[in-house]
C-alpha atoms as a PDB file:
ATOM      1  CA  MET A   1       0.000   0.000   0.000  1.00  0.00           C
ATOM      2  CA  ARG A   2       1.160   3.481  -0.683  1.00  0.00           C
ATOM      3  CA  SER A   3       1.578   5.661   2.369  1.00  0.00           C
ATOM      4  CA  ILE A   4      -0.462   8.423   0.726  1.00  0.00           C
ATOM      5  CA  ASP A   5      -3.402   6.013   0.400  1.00  0.00           C
ATOM      6  CA  LEU A   6      -3.063   5.027   4.042  1.00  0.00           C
ATOM      7  CA  SER A   7      -2.810   8.668   5.084  1.00  0.00           C
ATOM      8  CA  LEU A   8      -5.949   9.623   3.185  1.00  0.00           C
ATOM      9  CA  TYR A   9      -7.770   6.648   4.677  1.00  0.00           C
ATOM     10  CA  ALA A  10      -6.549   7.602   8.147  1.00  0.00           C
ATOM     11  CA  ASP A  11      -7.930  11.117   7.633  1.00  0.00           C
ATOM     12  CA  ARG A  12     -11.301   9.704   6.612  1.00  0.00           C
ATOM     13  CA  LEU A  13     -11.355   7.435   9.657  1.00  0.00           C
ATOM     14  CA  ALA A  14     -10.480  10.357  11.930  1.00  0.00           C
ATOM     15  CA  GLY A  15     -13.451  12.278  10.546  1.00  0.00           C
ATOM     16  CA  GLU A  16     -15.754   9.326  11.143  1.00  0.00           C
ATOM     17  CA  ALA A  17     -14.412   8.946  14.693  1.00  0.00           C
ATOM     18  CA  ALA A  18     -15.015  12.626  15.408  1.00  0.00           C
ATOM     19  CA  SER A  19     -18.569  12.336  14.098  1.00  0.00           C
ATOM     20  CA  LEU A  20     -19.235   9.262  16.244  1.00  0.00           C
ATOM     21  CA  ALA A  21     -17.730  10.946  19.308  1.00  0.00           C
ATOM     22  CA  ALA A  22     -20.053  13.920  18.794  1.00  0.00           C
ATOM     23  CA  ARG A  23     -23.077  11.617  18.488  1.00  0.00           C
ATOM     24  CA  ILE A  24     -22.021   9.815  21.662  1.00  0.00           C
ATOM     25  CA  GLU A  25     -21.685  13.111  23.528  1.00  0.00           C
ATOM     26  CA  ARG A  26     -25.148  14.201  22.357  1.00  0.00           C
ATOM     27  CA  GLU A  27     -26.605  10.907  23.580  1.00  0.00           C
ATOM     28  CA  HIS A  28     -24.855  11.333  26.942  1.00  0.00           C
ATOM     29  CA  GLY A  29     -26.392  14.815  27.140  1.00  0.00           C
ATOM     30  CA  ARG A  30     -29.860  13.394  26.424  1.00  0.00           C
ATOM     31  CA  LEU A  31     -29.357  10.821  29.176  1.00  0.00           C
ATOM     32  CA  ARG A  32     -28.404  13.550  31.645  1.00  0.00           C
ATOM     33  CA  GLN A  33     -31.295  15.759  30.573  1.00  0.00           C
ATOM     34  CA  ALA A  34     -33.796  12.895  30.822  1.00  0.00           C
ATOM     35  CA  ALA A  35     -32.588  12.195  34.375  1.00  0.00           C
ATOM     36  CA  ILE A  36     -33.094  15.856  35.311  1.00  0.00           C
ATOM     37  CA  GLU A  37     -36.573  15.824  33.789  1.00  0.00           C
ATOM     38  CA  ARG A  38     -37.512  12.656  35.707  1.00  0.00           C
ATOM     39  CA  ALA A  39     -36.412  14.297  38.943  1.00  0.00           C
ATOM     40  CA  ALA A  40     -38.342  17.481  38.052  1.00  0.00           C
ATOM     41  CA  ARG A  41     -41.510  15.509  37.339  1.00  0.00           C
ATOM     42  CA  GLY A  42     -41.431  14.177  40.883  1.00  0.00           C
ATOM     43  CA  ALA A  43     -41.006  17.647  42.374  1.00  0.00           C
ATOM     44  CA  LEU A  44     -43.586  19.494  40.262  1.00  0.00           C
ATOM     45  CA  THR A  45     -47.377  19.486  40.450  1.00  0.00           C
ATOM     46  CA  PRO A  46     -49.269  17.430  37.868  1.00  0.00           C
ATOM     47  CA  PHE A  47     -50.619  20.699  36.389  1.00  0.00           C
ATOM     48  CA  ALA A  48     -47.096  22.086  35.931  1.00  0.00           C
ATOM     49  CA  VAL A  49     -45.901  18.833  34.351  1.00  0.00           C
ATOM     50  CA  GLU A  50     -48.874  18.853  31.979  1.00  0.00           C
ATOM     51  CA  ARG A  51     -48.216  22.474  30.949  1.00  0.00           C
ATOM     52  CA  LEU A  52     -44.490  21.843  30.428  1.00  0.00           C
ATOM     53  CA  GLU A  53     -45.236  18.762  28.314  1.00  0.00           C
ATOM     54  CA  ALA A  54     -47.699  20.807  26.229  1.00  0.00           C
ATOM     55  CA  LEU A  55     -44.867  23.253  25.526  1.00  0.00           C
ATOM     56  CA  GLY A  56     -42.616  20.396  24.407  1.00  0.00           C
ATOM     57  CA  LEU A  57     -40.577  20.391  27.590  1.00  0.00           C
ATOM     58  CA  LEU A  58     -40.020  17.376  29.834  1.00  0.00           C
ATOM     59  CA  ARG A  59     -39.993  15.144  26.758  1.00  0.00           C
ATOM     60  CA  THR A  60     -36.351  14.213  26.344  1.00  0.00           C
ATOM     61  CA  HIS A  61     -35.957  10.676  25.078  1.00  0.00           C
ATOM     62  CA  SER A  62     -32.723   8.842  25.627  1.00  0.00           C
ATOM     63  CA  ASP A  63     -31.688   5.431  24.422  1.00  0.00           C
ATOM     64  CA  PRO A  64     -29.018   3.672  26.484  1.00  0.00           C
ATOM     65  CA  VAL A  65     -28.938   0.780  23.986  1.00  0.00           C
ATOM     66  CA  ALA A  66     -28.218   3.163  21.093  1.00  0.00           C
ATOM     67  CA  LEU A  67     -25.489   4.776  23.185  1.00  0.00           C
ATOM     68  CA  ALA A  68     -23.881   1.393  23.863  1.00  0.00           C
ATOM     69  CA  GLU A  69     -23.977   0.564  20.142  1.00  0.00           C
ATOM     70  CA  LEU A  70     -22.374   3.889  19.236  1.00  0.00           C
ATOM     71  CA  GLU A  71     -19.615   3.284  21.792  1.00  0.00           C
ATOM     72  CA  LYS A  72     -18.954  -0.231  20.434  1.00  0.00           C
ATOM     73  CA  THR A  73     -18.779   1.175  16.914  1.00  0.00           C
ATOM     74  CA  LEU A  74     -16.314   3.845  18.028  1.00  0.00           C
ATOM     75  CA  ASP A  75     -14.173   1.174  19.717  1.00  0.00           C
ATOM     76  CA  ALA A  76     -14.063  -0.839  16.483  1.00  0.00           C
ATOM     77  CA  LEU A  77     -13.250   2.286  14.469  1.00  0.00           C
ATOM     78  CA  GLU A  78     -10.434   3.179  16.850  1.00  0.00           C
ATOM     79  CA  ALA A  79      -9.007  -0.336  16.435  1.00  0.00           C
ATOM     80  CA  LEU A  80      -9.010   0.171  12.655  1.00  0.00           C
ATOM     81  CA  GLU A  81      -7.378   3.583  13.073  1.00  0.00           C
ATOM     82  CA  ALA A  82      -4.649   2.002  15.198  1.00  0.00           C
ATOM     83  CA  TRP A  83      -4.023  -0.636  12.525  1.00  0.00           C
ATOM     84  CA  VAL A  84      -3.755   2.022   9.811  1.00  0.00           C
ATOM     85  CA  GLU A  85      -1.393   4.123  11.943  1.00  0.00           C
ATOM     86  CA  GLU A  86       0.724   1.020  12.585  1.00  0.00           C
ATOM     87  CA  ALA A  87       0.810   0.298   8.849  1.00  0.00           C
ATOM     88  CA  LEU A  88       1.917   3.884   8.208  1.00  0.00           C
ATOM     89  CA  ALA A  89       4.666   3.537  10.793  1.00  0.00           C
ATOM     90  CA  ARG A  90       5.923   0.290   9.214  1.00  0.00           C
ATOM     91  CA  GLY A  91       6.432   2.013   5.888  1.00  0.00           C
ATOM     92  CA  PRO A  92       5.529   1.360   2.265  1.00  0.00           C
ATOM     93  CA  GLY A  93       4.428  -2.009   0.977  1.00  0.00           C
ATOM     94  CA  VAL A  94       2.876  -3.166   4.228  1.00  0.00           C
ATOM     95  CA  GLY A  95      -0.572  -4.582   4.696  1.00  0.00           C
ATOM     96  CA  ALA A  96      -1.994  -7.684   6.275  1.00  0.00           C
ATOM     97  CA  ARG A  97      -0.275  -9.010   9.364  1.00  0.00           C
ATOM     98  CA  ASP A  98      -0.293 -12.647   8.257  1.00  0.00           C
ATOM     99  CA  GLY A  99       0.807 -13.144   4.711  1.00  0.00           C
ATOM    100  CA  PRO A 100       2.363 -11.197   1.901  1.00  0.00           C
ATOM    101  CA  PRO A 101       2.130  -7.428   1.857  1.00  0.00           C
ATOM    102  CA  LEU A 102      -1.172  -6.157   0.557  1.00  0.00           C
ATOM    103  CA  ARG A 103      -0.803  -3.904  -2.438  1.00  0.00           C
ATOM    104  CA  LEU A 104      -3.537  -1.705  -3.831  1.00  0.00           C
ATOM    105  CA  ALA A 105      -4.107  -1.881  -7.549  1.00  0.00           C
ATOM    106  CA  GLN A 106      -2.829   1.235  -9.253  1.00  0.00           C
ATOM    107  CA  PRO A 107      -5.148   2.530 -11.983  1.00  0.00           C
ATOM    108  CA  GLU A 108      -3.599   2.670 -15.410  1.00  0.00           C
ATOM    109  CA  ALA A 109      -3.293   6.125 -16.915  1.00  0.00           C
ATOM    110  CA  CYS A 110      -5.829   6.913 -19.602  1.00  0.00           C
ATOM    111  CA  ALA A 111      -4.239   6.926 -23.022  1.00  0.00           C
ATOM    112  CA  SER A 112      -5.806  10.295 -23.719  1.00  0.00           C
ATOM    113  CA  ALA A 113      -4.169  11.764 -20.625  1.00  0.00           C
ATOM    114  CA  VAL A 114      -0.657  10.747 -21.658  1.00  0.00           C
ATOM    115  CA  PRO A 115       1.022  13.357 -23.873  1.00  0.00           C
ATOM    116  CA  ARG A 116       2.060  12.073 -27.283  1.00  0.00           C
ATOM    117  CA  ARG A 117       5.690  12.195 -28.287  1.00  0.00           C
ATOM    118  CA  GLY A 118       6.702  15.695 -29.300  1.00  0.00           C
ATOM    119  CA  VAL A 119       3.605  17.337 -27.795  1.00  0.00           C
ATOM    120  CA  SER A 120       4.015  19.464 -24.726  1.00  0.00           C
ATOM    121  CA  ALA A 121       1.195  19.733 -22.235  1.00  0.00           C
ATOM    122  CA  THR A 122       1.793  23.493 -22.203  1.00  0.00           C
ATOM    123  CA  SER A 123       2.091  24.021 -25.940  1.00  0.00           C
ATOM    124  CA  SER A 124      -0.257  26.440 -27.619  1.00  0.00           C
ATOM    125  CA  PRO A 125      -2.763  25.268 -30.217  1.00  0.00           C
ATOM    126  CA  PRO A 126      -1.624  25.692 -33.808  1.00  0.00           C
ATOM    127  CA  SER A 127      -2.191  29.126 -35.256  1.00  0.00           C
ATOM    128  CA  ALA A 128      -4.776  29.647 -37.952  1.00  0.00           C
ATOM    129  CA  SER A 129      -2.311  31.360 -40.352  1.00  0.00           C
END
């Protein structure tokens, strides 16, 4: 594998990890807010609770199972990030731990993108004289 490919992949994984971490933090916040709302329900009158619910308050929903799944996904993603970082540290031509180095297929250049002999990529078009 080329180190540039691994580096680009590592950047993508870092972005995914940051996104997952933000989702996890939002879910933690919902859990905390739901706990506060449960405590408030017990301290408020039924009329106050009813009015607050009508306004859309005291309705925070949290999902501990979803939070656990997000955390497991982040753990797996971090394991993949560690593997990629280790592959980067080992240098070019590295890949799978057990077996020959994994190499990514390199796309062949398009024939139309390869300058023909004697033609410069910066040459001007022929004049109309």
